[in-house]
Amino acid sequence: MLTFFRNGGFSMFPVLFFGLATLAAAIAFAMRADKKTRNFIDPMYKVVVFSSATGLLTNLGAVFHYLATKAAPEEFSKILAQGLDESLGPAIMGSAFIALSFLFVAIGQRRADARAATA
């Protein structure tokens, strides 16, 4: 796991920070089902998606810059494959945070709907 994080580079830190904040809010929403927490979560999804996309694109840019300026032709395909593998780290981590957050929001929304139906 640490290698996965290290391979993703610096851009993993914003994804981790925003992903944890979104996940914590989603868990809080699942437990309390209050509107204020839900209003915070919805824009945070976008923050996680865009920080993941920024990390992915930054990493891809670094890989292609290296290939264009420093890579030996005989190592091109190996470097490209390894670079693409490492570049996907932010997108993978961000997608995992979004999926888990959606799960907890679904639980909280079910609770909120049940509460509204009985009121």
PDB file of N, CA and C in Angstrom:
ATOM      1  N   MET A   1       0.827  -1.194   0.000  1.00  0.00           N
ATOM      2  CA  MET A   1       0.000   0.000   0.000  1.00  0.00           C
ATOM      3  C   MET A   1       0.867   1.252   0.000  1.00  0.00           C
ATOM      4  N   LEU A   2       1.931   1.232   0.778  1.00  0.00           N
ATOM      5  CA  LEU A   2       2.823   2.382   0.812  1.00  0.00           C
ATOM      6  C   LEU A   2       3.490   2.586  -0.547  1.00  0.00           C
ATOM      7  N   THR A   3       3.845   1.495  -1.212  1.00  0.00           N
ATOM      8  CA  THR A   3       4.448   1.590  -2.546  1.00  0.00           C
ATOM      9  C   THR A   3       3.453   2.197  -3.532  1.00  0.00           C
ATOM     10  N   PHE A   4       2.202   1.767  -3.443  1.00  0.00           N
ATOM     11  CA  PHE A   4       1.152   2.323  -4.298  1.00  0.00           C
ATOM     12  C   PHE A   4       1.048   3.835  -4.091  1.00  0.00           C
ATOM     13  N   PHE A   5       1.052   4.254  -2.836  1.00  0.00           N
ATOM     14  CA  PHE A   5       0.956   5.675  -2.515  1.00  0.00           C
ATOM     15  C   PHE A   5       2.192   6.425  -3.013  1.00  0.00           C
ATOM     16  N   ARG A   6       3.370   5.869  -2.786  1.00  0.00           N
ATOM     17  CA  ARG A   6       4.611   6.505  -3.213  1.00  0.00           C
ATOM     18  C   ARG A   6       4.674   6.614  -4.734  1.00  0.00           C
ATOM     19  N   ASN A   7       4.227   5.571  -5.443  1.00  0.00           N
ATOM     20  CA  ASN A   7       4.263   5.590  -6.907  1.00  0.00           C
ATOM     21  C   ASN A   7       3.353   6.667  -7.479  1.00  0.00           C
ATOM     22  N   GLY A   8       2.267   6.984  -6.787  1.00  0.00           N
ATOM     23  CA  GLY A   8       1.352   8.018  -7.266  1.00  0.00           C
ATOM     24  C   GLY A   8       1.914   9.422  -7.167  1.00  0.00           C
ATOM     25  N   GLY A   9       2.950   9.605  -6.361  1.00  0.00           N
ATOM     26  CA  GLY A   9       3.602  10.894  -6.254  1.00  0.00           C
ATOM     27  C   GLY A   9       2.880  11.854  -5.313  1.00  0.00           C
ATOM     28  N   PHE A  10       3.325  13.103  -5.352  1.00  0.00           N
ATOM     29  CA  PHE A  10       2.801  14.127  -4.453  1.00  0.00           C
ATOM     30  C   PHE A  10       1.296  14.313  -4.596  1.00  0.00           C
ATOM     31  N   SER A  11       0.776  14.094  -5.781  1.00  0.00           N
ATOM     32  CA  SER A  11      -0.655  14.322  -6.016  1.00  0.00           C
ATOM     33  C   SER A  11      -1.545  13.374  -5.213  1.00  0.00           C
ATOM     34  N   MET A  12      -0.956  12.367  -4.588  1.00  0.00           N
ATOM     35  CA  MET A  12      -1.745  11.468  -3.741  1.00  0.00           C
ATOM     36  C   MET A  12      -2.177  12.158  -2.448  1.00  0.00           C
ATOM     37  N   PHE A  13      -1.424  13.148  -1.991  1.00  0.00           N
ATOM     38  CA  PHE A  13      -1.751  13.822  -0.735  1.00  0.00           C
ATOM     39  C   PHE A  13      -3.077  14.577  -0.789  1.00  0.00           C
ATOM     40  N   PRO A  14      -3.335  15.411  -1.816  1.00  0.00           N
ATOM     41  CA  PRO A  14      -4.658  16.051  -1.876  1.00  0.00           C
ATOM     42  C   PRO A  14      -5.794  15.045  -2.026  1.00  0.00           C
ATOM     43  N   VAL A  15      -5.572  13.996  -2.806  1.00  0.00           N
ATOM     44  CA  VAL A  15      -6.613  12.980  -2.976  1.00  0.00           C
ATOM     45  C   VAL A  15      -6.894  12.312  -1.634  1.00  0.00           C
ATOM     46  N   LEU A  16      -5.851  11.984  -0.897  1.00  0.00           N
ATOM     47  CA  LEU A  16      -6.020  11.369   0.416  1.00  0.00           C
ATOM     48  C   LEU A  16      -6.747  12.313   1.375  1.00  0.00           C
ATOM     49  N   PHE A  17      -6.309  13.555   1.442  1.00  0.00           N
ATOM     50  CA  PHE A  17      -6.904  14.527   2.358  1.00  0.00           C
ATOM     51  C   PHE A  17      -8.381  14.757   2.046  1.00  0.00           C
ATOM     52  N   PHE A  18      -8.680  15.086   0.792  1.00  0.00           N
ATOM     53  CA  PHE A  18     -10.069  15.366   0.411  1.00  0.00           C
ATOM     54  C   PHE A  18     -10.924  14.098   0.447  1.00  0.00           C
ATOM     55  N   GLY A  19     -10.323  12.974   0.087  1.00  0.00           N
ATOM     56  CA  GLY A  19     -11.058  11.713   0.136  1.00  0.00           C
ATOM     57  C   GLY A  19     -11.437  11.338   1.556  1.00  0.00           C
ATOM     58  N   LEU A  20     -10.504  11.504   2.493  1.00  0.00           N
ATOM     59  CA  LEU A  20     -10.812  11.210   3.894  1.00  0.00           C
ATOM     60  C   LEU A  20     -11.868  12.156   4.445  1.00  0.00           C
ATOM     61  N   ALA A  21     -11.787  13.433   4.071  1.00  0.00           N
ATOM     62  CA  ALA A  21     -12.793  14.397   4.531  1.00  0.00           C
ATOM     63  C   ALA A  21     -14.174  14.032   3.997  1.00  0.00           C
ATOM     64  N   THR A  22     -14.244  13.650   2.753  1.00  0.00           N
ATOM     65  CA  THR A  22     -15.520  13.262   2.155  1.00  0.00           C
ATOM     66  C   THR A  22     -16.052  11.988   2.790  1.00  0.00           C
ATOM     67  N   LEU A  23     -15.177  11.016   2.988  1.00  0.00           N
ATOM     68  CA  LEU A  23     -15.591   9.760   3.598  1.00  0.00           C
ATOM     69  C   LEU A  23     -16.062   9.975   5.040  1.00  0.00           C
ATOM     70  N   ALA A  24     -15.356  10.804   5.794  1.00  0.00           N
ATOM     71  CA  ALA A  24     -15.768  11.086   7.174  1.00  0.00           C
ATOM     72  C   ALA A  24     -17.139  11.757   7.204  1.00  0.00           C
ATOM     73  N   ALA A  25     -17.365  12.695   6.296  1.00  0.00           N
ATOM     74  CA  ALA A  25     -18.672  13.352   6.232  1.00  0.00           C
ATOM     75  C   ALA A  25     -19.763  12.368   5.821  1.00  0.00           C
ATOM     76  N   ALA A  26     -19.441  11.470   4.911  1.00  0.00           N
ATOM     77  CA  ALA A  26     -20.424  10.465   4.477  1.00  0.00           C
ATOM     78  C   ALA A  26     -20.774   9.520   5.618  1.00  0.00           C
ATOM     79  N   ILE A  27     -19.788   9.141   6.406  1.00  0.00           N
ATOM     80  CA  ILE A  27     -20.054   8.284   7.566  1.00  0.00           C
ATOM     81  C   ILE A  27     -20.908   9.033   8.582  1.00  0.00           C
ATOM     82  N   ALA A  28     -20.597  10.306   8.802  1.00  0.00           N
ATOM     83  CA  ALA A  28     -21.411  11.107   9.717  1.00  0.00           C
ATOM     84  C   ALA A  28     -22.849  11.221   9.210  1.00  0.00           C
ATOM     85  N   PHE A  29     -23.008  11.380   7.902  1.00  0.00           N
ATOM     86  CA  PHE A  29     -24.353  11.455   7.326  1.00  0.00           C
ATOM     87  C   PHE A  29     -25.085  10.128   7.492  1.00  0.00           C
ATOM     88  N   ALA A  30     -24.381   9.027   7.332  1.00  0.00           N
ATOM     89  CA  ALA A  30     -25.015   7.712   7.512  1.00  0.00           C
ATOM     90  C   ALA A  30     -25.502   7.526   8.945  1.00  0.00           C
ATOM     91  N   MET A  31     -24.788   8.104   9.894  1.00  0.00           N
ATOM     92  CA  MET A  31     -25.166   7.946  11.300  1.00  0.00           C
ATOM     93  C   MET A  31     -26.280   8.910  11.717  1.00  0.00           C
ATOM     94  N   ARG A  32     -26.238  10.162  11.210  1.00  0.00           N
ATOM     95  CA  ARG A  32     -27.200  11.173  11.662  1.00  0.00           C
ATOM     96  C   ARG A  32     -28.256  11.549  10.635  1.00  0.00           C
ATOM     97  N   ALA A  33     -27.928  11.401   9.370  1.00  0.00           N
ATOM     98  CA  ALA A  33     -28.841  11.730   8.262  1.00  0.00           C
ATOM     99  C   ALA A  33     -29.359  13.165   8.344  1.00  0.00           C
ATOM    100  N   ASP A  34     -28.427  14.120   8.573  1.00  0.00           N
ATOM    101  CA  ASP A  34     -28.842  15.520   8.627  1.00  0.00           C
ATOM    102  C   ASP A  34     -28.505  16.237   7.322  1.00  0.00           C
ATOM    103  N   LYS A  35     -29.312  17.219   6.976  1.00  0.00           N
ATOM    104  CA  LYS A  35     -29.214  17.913   5.689  1.00  0.00           C
ATOM    105  C   LYS A  35     -27.916  18.708   5.559  1.00  0.00           C
ATOM    106  N   LYS A  36     -27.443  19.311   6.644  1.00  0.00           N
ATOM    107  CA  LYS A  36     -26.223  20.116   6.576  1.00  0.00           C
ATOM    108  C   LYS A  36     -25.027  19.277   6.149  1.00  0.00           C
ATOM    109  N   THR A  37     -24.929  18.070   6.672  1.00  0.00           N
ATOM    110  CA  THR A  37     -23.816  17.197   6.287  1.00  0.00           C
ATOM    111  C   THR A  37     -23.942  16.790   4.829  1.00  0.00           C
ATOM    112  N   ARG A  38     -25.143  16.505   4.383  1.00  0.00           N
ATOM    113  CA  ARG A  38     -25.361  16.130   2.983  1.00  0.00           C
ATOM    114  C   ARG A  38     -24.994  17.278   2.058  1.00  0.00           C
ATOM    115  N   ASN A  39     -25.320  18.499   2.453  1.00  0.00           N
ATOM    116  CA  ASN A  39     -24.975  19.665   1.634  1.00  0.00           C
ATOM    117  C   ASN A  39     -23.468  19.872   1.536  1.00  0.00           C
ATOM    118  N   PHE A  40     -22.722  19.407   2.518  1.00  0.00           N
ATOM    119  CA  PHE A  40     -21.263  19.477   2.469  1.00  0.00           C
ATOM    120  C   PHE A  40     -20.692  18.387   1.560  1.00  0.00           C
ATOM    121  N   ILE A  41     -21.290  17.211   1.592  1.00  0.00           N
ATOM    122  CA  ILE A  41     -20.748  16.068   0.854  1.00  0.00           C
ATOM    123  C   ILE A  41     -20.848  16.260  -0.655  1.00  0.00           C
ATOM    124  N   ASP A  42     -21.963  16.790  -1.133  1.00  0.00           N
ATOM    125  CA  ASP A  42     -22.173  16.880  -2.582  1.00  0.00           C
ATOM    126  C   ASP A  42     -21.055  17.637  -3.308  1.00  0.00           C
ATOM    127  N   PRO A  43     -20.641  18.827  -2.851  1.00  0.00           N
ATOM    128  CA  PRO A  43     -19.514  19.461  -3.546  1.00  0.00           C
ATOM    129  C   PRO A  43     -18.170  18.762  -3.283  1.00  0.00           C
ATOM    130  N   MET A  44     -18.066  18.078  -2.156  1.00  0.00           N
ATOM    131  CA  MET A  44     -16.805  17.388  -1.865  1.00  0.00           C
ATOM    132  C   MET A  44     -16.554  16.231  -2.828  1.00  0.00           C
ATOM    133  N   TYR A  45     -17.622  15.621  -3.341  1.00  0.00           N
ATOM    134  CA  TYR A  45     -17.430  14.608  -4.379  1.00  0.00           C
ATOM    135  C   TYR A  45     -16.645  15.199  -5.546  1.00  0.00           C
ATOM    136  N   LYS A  46     -17.047  16.395  -5.933  1.00  0.00           N
ATOM    137  CA  LYS A  46     -16.381  17.044  -7.070  1.00  0.00           C
ATOM    138  C   LYS A  46     -14.934  17.367  -6.754  1.00  0.00           C
ATOM    139  N   VAL A  47     -14.661  17.775  -5.531  1.00  0.00           N
ATOM    140  CA  VAL A  47     -13.282  18.074  -5.140  1.00  0.00           C
ATOM    141  C   VAL A  47     -12.419  16.820  -5.257  1.00  0.00           C
ATOM    142  N   VAL A  48     -12.935  15.694  -4.806  1.00  0.00           N
ATOM    143  CA  VAL A  48     -12.175  14.439  -4.896  1.00  0.00           C
ATOM    144  C   VAL A  48     -11.965  14.049  -6.360  1.00  0.00           C
ATOM    145  N   VAL A  49     -13.006  14.169  -7.157  1.00  0.00           N
ATOM    146  CA  VAL A  49     -12.888  13.811  -8.579  1.00  0.00           C
ATOM    147  C   VAL A  49     -11.859  14.702  -9.278  1.00  0.00           C
ATOM    148  N   PHE A  50     -11.939  16.006  -9.037  1.00  0.00           N
ATOM    149  CA  PHE A  50     -11.023  16.912  -9.728  1.00  0.00           C
ATOM    150  C   PHE A  50      -9.593  16.820  -9.194  1.00  0.00           C
ATOM    151  N   SER A  51      -9.418  16.560  -7.902  1.00  0.00           N
ATOM    152  CA  SER A  51      -8.054  16.375  -7.404  1.00  0.00           C
ATOM    153  C   SER A  51      -7.471  15.065  -7.947  1.00  0.00           C
ATOM    154  N   SER A  52      -8.304  14.045  -8.093  1.00  0.00           N
ATOM    155  CA  SER A  52      -7.843  12.787  -8.698  1.00  0.00           C
ATOM    156  C   SER A  52      -7.464  12.989 -10.162  1.00  0.00           C
ATOM    157  N   ALA A  53      -8.310  13.715 -10.873  1.00  0.00           N
ATOM    158  CA  ALA A  53      -8.023  13.977 -12.293  1.00  0.00           C
ATOM    159  C   ALA A  53      -6.767  14.820 -12.452  1.00  0.00           C
ATOM    160  N   THR A  54      -6.599  15.812 -11.589  1.00  0.00           N
ATOM    161  CA  THR A  54      -5.392  16.642 -11.648  1.00  0.00           C
ATOM    162  C   THR A  54      -4.152  15.802 -11.390  1.00  0.00           C
ATOM    163  N   GLY A  55      -4.219  14.917 -10.397  1.00  0.00           N
ATOM    164  CA  GLY A  55      -3.084  14.038 -10.118  1.00  0.00           C
ATOM    165  C   GLY A  55      -2.776  13.118 -11.285  1.00  0.00           C
ATOM    166  N   LEU A  56      -3.817  12.536 -11.858  1.00  0.00           N
ATOM    167  CA  LEU A  56      -3.629  11.654 -13.010  1.00  0.00           C
ATOM    168  C   LEU A  56      -2.980  12.401 -14.170  1.00  0.00           C
ATOM    169  N   LEU A  57      -3.521  13.562 -14.491  1.00  0.00           N
ATOM    170  CA  LEU A  57      -2.991  14.321 -15.624  1.00  0.00           C
ATOM    171  C   LEU A  57      -1.579  14.844 -15.374  1.00  0.00           C
ATOM    172  N   THR A  58      -1.302  15.241 -14.143  1.00  0.00           N
ATOM    173  CA  THR A  58       0.053  15.684 -13.801  1.00  0.00           C
ATOM    174  C   THR A  58       1.046  14.539 -13.958  1.00  0.00           C
ATOM    175  N   ASN A  59       0.656  13.372 -13.470  1.00  0.00           N
ATOM    176  CA  ASN A  59       1.536  12.214 -13.588  1.00  0.00           C
ATOM    177  C   ASN A  59       1.742  11.806 -15.043  1.00  0.00           C
ATOM    178  N   LEU A  60       0.669  11.821 -15.823  1.00  0.00           N
ATOM    179  CA  LEU A  60       0.808  11.492 -17.248  1.00  0.00           C
ATOM    180  C   LEU A  60       1.715  12.498 -17.956  1.00  0.00           C
ATOM    181  N   GLY A  61       1.558  13.759 -17.609  1.00  0.00           N
ATOM    182  CA  GLY A  61       2.431  14.788 -18.195  1.00  0.00           C
ATOM    183  C   GLY A  61       3.894  14.524 -17.887  1.00  0.00           C
ATOM    184  N   ALA A  62       4.182  14.121 -16.656  1.00  0.00           N
ATOM    185  CA  ALA A  62       5.566  13.820 -16.281  1.00  0.00           C
ATOM    186  C   ALA A  62       6.098  12.620 -17.057  1.00  0.00           C
ATOM    187  N   VAL A  63       5.264  11.602 -17.223  1.00  0.00           N
ATOM    188  CA  VAL A  63       5.688  10.415 -17.967  1.00  0.00           C
ATOM    189  C   VAL A  63       5.984  10.771 -19.418  1.00  0.00           C
ATOM    190  N   PHE A  64       5.088  11.486 -20.057  1.00  0.00           N
ATOM    191  CA  PHE A  64       5.292  11.815 -21.467  1.00  0.00           C
ATOM    192  C   PHE A  64       6.441  12.802 -21.667  1.00  0.00           C
ATOM    193  N   HIS A  65       6.646  13.695 -20.718  1.00  0.00           N
ATOM    194  CA  HIS A  65       7.795  14.606 -20.801  1.00  0.00           C
ATOM    195  C   HIS A  65       9.092  13.807 -20.723  1.00  0.00           C
ATOM    196  N   TYR A  66       9.149  12.855 -19.802  1.00  0.00           N
ATOM    197  CA  TYR A  66      10.346  12.020 -19.677  1.00  0.00           C
ATOM    198  C   TYR A  66      10.577  11.207 -20.954  1.00  0.00           C
ATOM    199  N   LEU A  67       9.495  10.647 -21.495  1.00  0.00           N
ATOM    200  CA  LEU A  67       9.639   9.858 -22.724  1.00  0.00           C
ATOM    201  C   LEU A  67      10.138  10.712 -23.881  1.00  0.00           C
ATOM    202  N   ALA A  68       9.676  11.940 -23.954  1.00  0.00           N
ATOM    203  CA  ALA A  68      10.047  12.809 -25.068  1.00  0.00           C
ATOM    204  C   ALA A  68      11.456  13.374 -24.935  1.00  0.00           C
ATOM    205  N   THR A  69      11.953  13.509 -23.712  1.00  0.00           N
ATOM    206  CA  THR A  69      13.233  14.205 -23.547  1.00  0.00           C
ATOM    207  C   THR A  69      14.393  13.319 -23.102  1.00  0.00           C
ATOM    208  N   LYS A  70      14.134  12.241 -22.368  1.00  0.00           N
ATOM    209  CA  LYS A  70      15.235  11.512 -21.755  1.00  0.00           C
ATOM    210  C   LYS A  70      15.258  10.012 -22.022  1.00  0.00           C
ATOM    211  N   ALA A  71      14.177   9.435 -22.465  1.00  0.00           N
ATOM    212  CA  ALA A  71      14.093   7.978 -22.588  1.00  0.00           C
ATOM    213  C   ALA A  71      14.862   7.475 -23.802  1.00  0.00           C
ATOM    214  N   ALA A  72      15.567   6.386 -23.600  1.00  0.00           N
ATOM    215  CA  ALA A  72      16.235   5.722 -24.710  1.00  0.00           C
ATOM    216  C   ALA A  72      15.182   4.974 -25.525  1.00  0.00           C
ATOM    217  N   PRO A  73      15.315   4.984 -26.863  1.00  0.00           N
ATOM    218  CA  PRO A  73      14.292   4.353 -27.708  1.00  0.00           C
ATOM    219  C   PRO A  73      14.043   2.880 -27.382  1.00  0.00           C
ATOM    220  N   GLU A  74      15.083   2.147 -26.976  1.00  0.00           N
ATOM    221  CA  GLU A  74      14.897   0.726 -26.691  1.00  0.00           C
ATOM    222  C   GLU A  74      14.145   0.481 -25.385  1.00  0.00           C
ATOM    223  N   GLU A  75      14.038   1.478 -24.530  1.00  0.00           N
ATOM    224  CA  GLU A  75      13.312   1.334 -23.265  1.00  0.00           C
ATOM    225  C   GLU A  75      11.959   2.031 -23.281  1.00  0.00           C
ATOM    226  N   PHE A  76      11.564   2.564 -24.425  1.00  0.00           N
ATOM    227  CA  PHE A  76      10.355   3.376 -24.521  1.00  0.00           C
ATOM    228  C   PHE A  76       9.110   2.644 -24.004  1.00  0.00           C
ATOM    229  N   SER A  77       8.873   1.436 -24.499  1.00  0.00           N
ATOM    230  CA  SER A  77       7.641   0.733 -24.124  1.00  0.00           C
ATOM    231  C   SER A  77       7.640   0.337 -22.653  1.00  0.00           C
ATOM    232  N   LYS A  78       8.788  -0.069 -22.118  1.00  0.00           N
ATOM    233  CA  LYS A  78       8.866  -0.437 -20.707  1.00  0.00           C
ATOM    234  C   LYS A  78       8.609   0.783 -19.820  1.00  0.00           C
ATOM    235  N   ILE A  79       9.208   1.898 -20.141  1.00  0.00           N
ATOM    236  CA  ILE A  79       9.020   3.120 -19.362  1.00  0.00           C
ATOM    237  C   ILE A  79       7.581   3.602 -19.482  1.00  0.00           C
ATOM    238  N   LEU A  80       7.012   3.510 -20.665  1.00  0.00           N
ATOM    239  CA  LEU A  80       5.621   3.921 -20.852  1.00  0.00           C
ATOM    240  C   LEU A  80       4.684   3.075 -20.001  1.00  0.00           C
ATOM    241  N   ALA A  81       4.873   1.760 -20.026  1.00  0.00           N
ATOM    242  CA  ALA A  81       4.005   0.875 -19.250  1.00  0.00           C
ATOM    243  C   ALA A  81       4.128   1.146 -17.752  1.00  0.00           C
ATOM    244  N   GLN A  82       5.343   1.275 -17.270  1.00  0.00           N
ATOM    245  CA  GLN A  82       5.548   1.540 -15.850  1.00  0.00           C
ATOM    246  C   GLN A  82       5.025   2.922 -15.477  1.00  0.00           C
ATOM    247  N   GLY A  83       5.241   3.892 -16.332  1.00  0.00           N
ATOM    248  CA  GLY A  83       4.754   5.239 -16.065  1.00  0.00           C
ATOM    249  C   GLY A  83       3.241   5.319 -16.018  1.00  0.00           C
ATOM    250  N   LEU A  84       2.578   4.621 -16.931  1.00  0.00           N
ATOM    251  CA  LEU A  84       1.112   4.594 -16.911  1.00  0.00           C
ATOM    252  C   LEU A  84       0.597   3.895 -15.660  1.00  0.00           C
ATOM    253  N   ASP A  85       1.266   2.828 -15.259  1.00  0.00           N
ATOM    254  CA  ASP A  85       0.885   2.111 -14.039  1.00  0.00           C
ATOM    255  C   ASP A  85       0.965   3.034 -12.827  1.00  0.00           C
ATOM    256  N   GLU A  86       2.039   3.744 -12.691  1.00  0.00           N
ATOM    257  CA  GLU A  86       2.220   4.631 -11.552  1.00  0.00           C
ATOM    258  C   GLU A  86       1.308   5.855 -11.632  1.00  0.00           C
ATOM    259  N   SER A  87       0.993   6.297 -12.821  1.00  0.00           N
ATOM    260  CA  SER A  87       0.159   7.484 -13.002  1.00  0.00           C
ATOM    261  C   SER A  87      -1.279   7.268 -12.559  1.00  0.00           C
ATOM    262  N   LEU A  88      -1.739   6.043 -12.571  1.00  0.00           N
ATOM    263  CA  LEU A  88      -3.136   5.764 -12.243  1.00  0.00           C
ATOM    264  C   LEU A  88      -3.443   5.806 -10.751  1.00  0.00           C
ATOM    265  N   GLY A  89      -2.434   5.912  -9.909  1.00  0.00           N
ATOM    266  CA  GLY A  89      -2.625   5.907  -8.463  1.00  0.00           C
ATOM    267  C   GLY A  89      -3.659   6.898  -7.953  1.00  0.00           C
ATOM    268  N   PRO A  90      -3.571   8.183  -8.312  1.00  0.00           N
ATOM    269  CA  PRO A  90      -4.566   9.133  -7.808  1.00  0.00           C
ATOM    270  C   PRO A  90      -5.987   8.806  -8.252  1.00  0.00           C
ATOM    271  N   ALA A  91      -6.154   8.367  -9.481  1.00  0.00           N
ATOM    272  CA  ALA A  91      -7.494   8.034  -9.974  1.00  0.00           C
ATOM    273  C   ALA A  91      -8.058   6.810  -9.251  1.00  0.00           C
ATOM    274  N   ILE A  92      -7.221   5.829  -8.992  1.00  0.00           N
ATOM    275  CA  ILE A  92      -7.676   4.636  -8.287  1.00  0.00           C
ATOM    276  C   ILE A  92      -8.079   4.984  -6.859  1.00  0.00           C
ATOM    277  N   MET A  93      -7.232   5.741  -6.171  1.00  0.00           N
ATOM    278  CA  MET A  93      -7.543   6.100  -4.795  1.00  0.00           C
ATOM    279  C   MET A  93      -8.782   6.992  -4.720  1.00  0.00           C
ATOM    280  N   GLY A  94      -8.870   7.961  -5.609  1.00  0.00           N
ATOM    281  CA  GLY A  94     -10.041   8.840  -5.619  1.00  0.00           C
ATOM    282  C   GLY A  94     -11.319   8.079  -5.904  1.00  0.00           C
ATOM    283  N   SER A  95     -11.274   7.145  -6.828  1.00  0.00           N
ATOM    284  CA  SER A  95     -12.456   6.333  -7.144  1.00  0.00           C
ATOM    285  C   SER A  95     -12.876   5.488  -5.952  1.00  0.00           C
ATOM    286  N   ALA A  96     -11.922   4.967  -5.222  1.00  0.00           N
ATOM    287  CA  ALA A  96     -12.247   4.170  -4.040  1.00  0.00           C
ATOM    288  C   ALA A  96     -12.926   5.028  -2.978  1.00  0.00           C
ATOM    289  N   PHE A  97     -12.413   6.238  -2.754  1.00  0.00           N
ATOM    290  CA  PHE A  97     -13.040   7.135  -1.780  1.00  0.00           C
ATOM    291  C   PHE A  97     -14.455   7.516  -2.207  1.00  0.00           C
ATOM    292  N   ILE A  98     -14.638   7.797  -3.488  1.00  0.00           N
ATOM    293  CA  ILE A  98     -15.969   8.161  -3.982  1.00  0.00           C
ATOM    294  C   ILE A  98     -16.939   6.990  -3.812  1.00  0.00           C
ATOM    295  N   ALA A  99     -16.506   5.787  -4.164  1.00  0.00           N
ATOM    296  CA  ALA A  99     -17.384   4.615  -4.046  1.00  0.00           C
ATOM    297  C   ALA A  99     -17.790   4.366  -2.596  1.00  0.00           C
ATOM    298  N   LEU A 100     -16.836   4.418  -1.683  1.00  0.00           N
ATOM    299  CA  LEU A 100     -17.163   4.220  -0.269  1.00  0.00           C
ATOM    300  C   LEU A 100     -18.072   5.330   0.258  1.00  0.00           C
ATOM    301  N   SER A 101     -17.805   6.548  -0.179  1.00  0.00           N
ATOM    302  CA  SER A 101     -18.642   7.675   0.259  1.00  0.00           C
ATOM    303  C   SER A 101     -20.068   7.517  -0.252  1.00  0.00           C
ATOM    304  N   PHE A 102     -20.228   7.105  -1.502  1.00  0.00           N
ATOM    305  CA  PHE A 102     -21.571   6.866  -2.045  1.00  0.00           C
ATOM    306  C   PHE A 102     -22.305   5.796  -1.240  1.00  0.00           C
ATOM    307  N   LEU A 103     -21.583   4.777  -0.822  1.00  0.00           N
ATOM    308  CA  LEU A 103     -22.198   3.717  -0.023  1.00  0.00           C
ATOM    309  C   LEU A 103     -22.770   4.285   1.273  1.00  0.00           C
ATOM    310  N   PHE A 104     -21.984   5.068   1.992  1.00  0.00           N
ATOM    311  CA  PHE A 104     -22.458   5.629   3.253  1.00  0.00           C
ATOM    312  C   PHE A 104     -23.549   6.676   3.049  1.00  0.00           C
ATOM    313  N   VAL A 105     -23.470   7.438   1.970  1.00  0.00           N
ATOM    314  CA  VAL A 105     -24.532   8.401   1.682  1.00  0.00           C
ATOM    315  C   VAL A 105     -25.828   7.673   1.359  1.00  0.00           C
ATOM    316  N   ALA A 106     -25.740   6.565   0.664  1.00  0.00           N
ATOM    317  CA  ALA A 106     -26.952   5.784   0.369  1.00  0.00           C
ATOM    318  C   ALA A 106     -27.603   5.290   1.659  1.00  0.00           C
ATOM    319  N   ILE A 107     -26.790   4.856   2.592  1.00  0.00           N
ATOM    320  CA  ILE A 107     -27.326   4.413   3.886  1.00  0.00           C
ATOM    321  C   ILE A 107     -27.984   5.583   4.608  1.00  0.00           C
ATOM    322  N   GLY A 108     -27.295   6.718   4.642  1.00  0.00           N
ATOM    323  CA  GLY A 108     -27.858   7.898   5.305  1.00  0.00           C
ATOM    324  C   GLY A 108     -29.113   8.407   4.625  1.00  0.00           C
ATOM    325  N   GLN A 109     -29.134   8.358   3.309  1.00  0.00           N
ATOM    326  CA  GLN A 109     -30.327   8.821   2.586  1.00  0.00           C
ATOM    327  C   GLN A 109     -31.513   7.904   2.863  1.00  0.00           C
ATOM    328  N   ARG A 110     -31.260   6.624   2.965  1.00  0.00           N
ATOM    329  CA  ARG A 110     -32.333   5.678   3.308  1.00  0.00           C
ATOM    330  C   ARG A 110     -32.892   6.003   4.689  1.00  0.00           C
ATOM    331  N   ARG A 111     -32.025   6.306   5.615  1.00  0.00           N
ATOM    332  CA  ARG A 111     -32.464   6.669   6.959  1.00  0.00           C
ATOM    333  C   ARG A 111     -33.243   7.988   6.940  1.00  0.00           C
ATOM    334  N   ALA A 112     -32.766   8.953   6.163  1.00  0.00           N
ATOM    335  CA  ALA A 112     -33.459  10.243   6.077  1.00  0.00           C
ATOM    336  C   ALA A 112     -34.842  10.072   5.440  1.00  0.00           C
ATOM    337  N   ASP A 113     -34.927   9.243   4.388  1.00  0.00           N
ATOM    338  CA  ASP A 113     -36.213   9.003   3.747  1.00  0.00           C
ATOM    339  C   ASP A 113     -37.184   8.297   4.691  1.00  0.00           C
ATOM    340  N   ALA A 114     -36.676   7.334   5.452  1.00  0.00           N
ATOM    341  CA  ALA A 114     -37.533   6.626   6.419  1.00  0.00           C
ATOM    342  C   ALA A 114     -38.019   7.574   7.503  1.00  0.00           C
ATOM    343  N   ARG A 115     -37.137   8.466   7.940  1.00  0.00           N
ATOM    344  CA  ARG A 115     -37.511   9.448   8.959  1.00  0.00           C
ATOM    345  C   ARG A 115     -38.581  10.401   8.426  1.00  0.00           C
ATOM    346  N   ALA A 116     -38.436  10.822   7.168  1.00  0.00           N
ATOM    347  CA  ALA A 116     -39.402  11.740   6.551  1.00  0.00           C
ATOM    348  C   ALA A 116     -40.754  11.058   6.341  1.00  0.00           C
ATOM    349  N   ALA A 117     -40.744   9.773   6.042  1.00  0.00           N
ATOM    350  CA  ALA A 117     -41.978   9.046   5.800  1.00  0.00           C
ATOM    351  C   ALA A 117     -42.798   8.877   7.081  1.00  0.00           C
ATOM    352  N   THR A 118     -42.118   8.783   8.219  1.00  0.00           N
ATOM    353  CA  THR A 118     -42.825   8.621   9.483  1.00  0.00           C
ATOM    354  C   THR A 118     -43.261   9.941  10.102  1.00  0.00           C
ATOM    355  N   ALA A 119     -42.724  11.040   9.581  1.00  0.00           N
ATOM    356  CA  ALA A 119     -43.057  12.351  10.159  1.00  0.00           C
ATOM    357  C   ALA A 119     -44.358  12.913   9.636  1.00  0.00           C
TER     358      ALA A 119
END
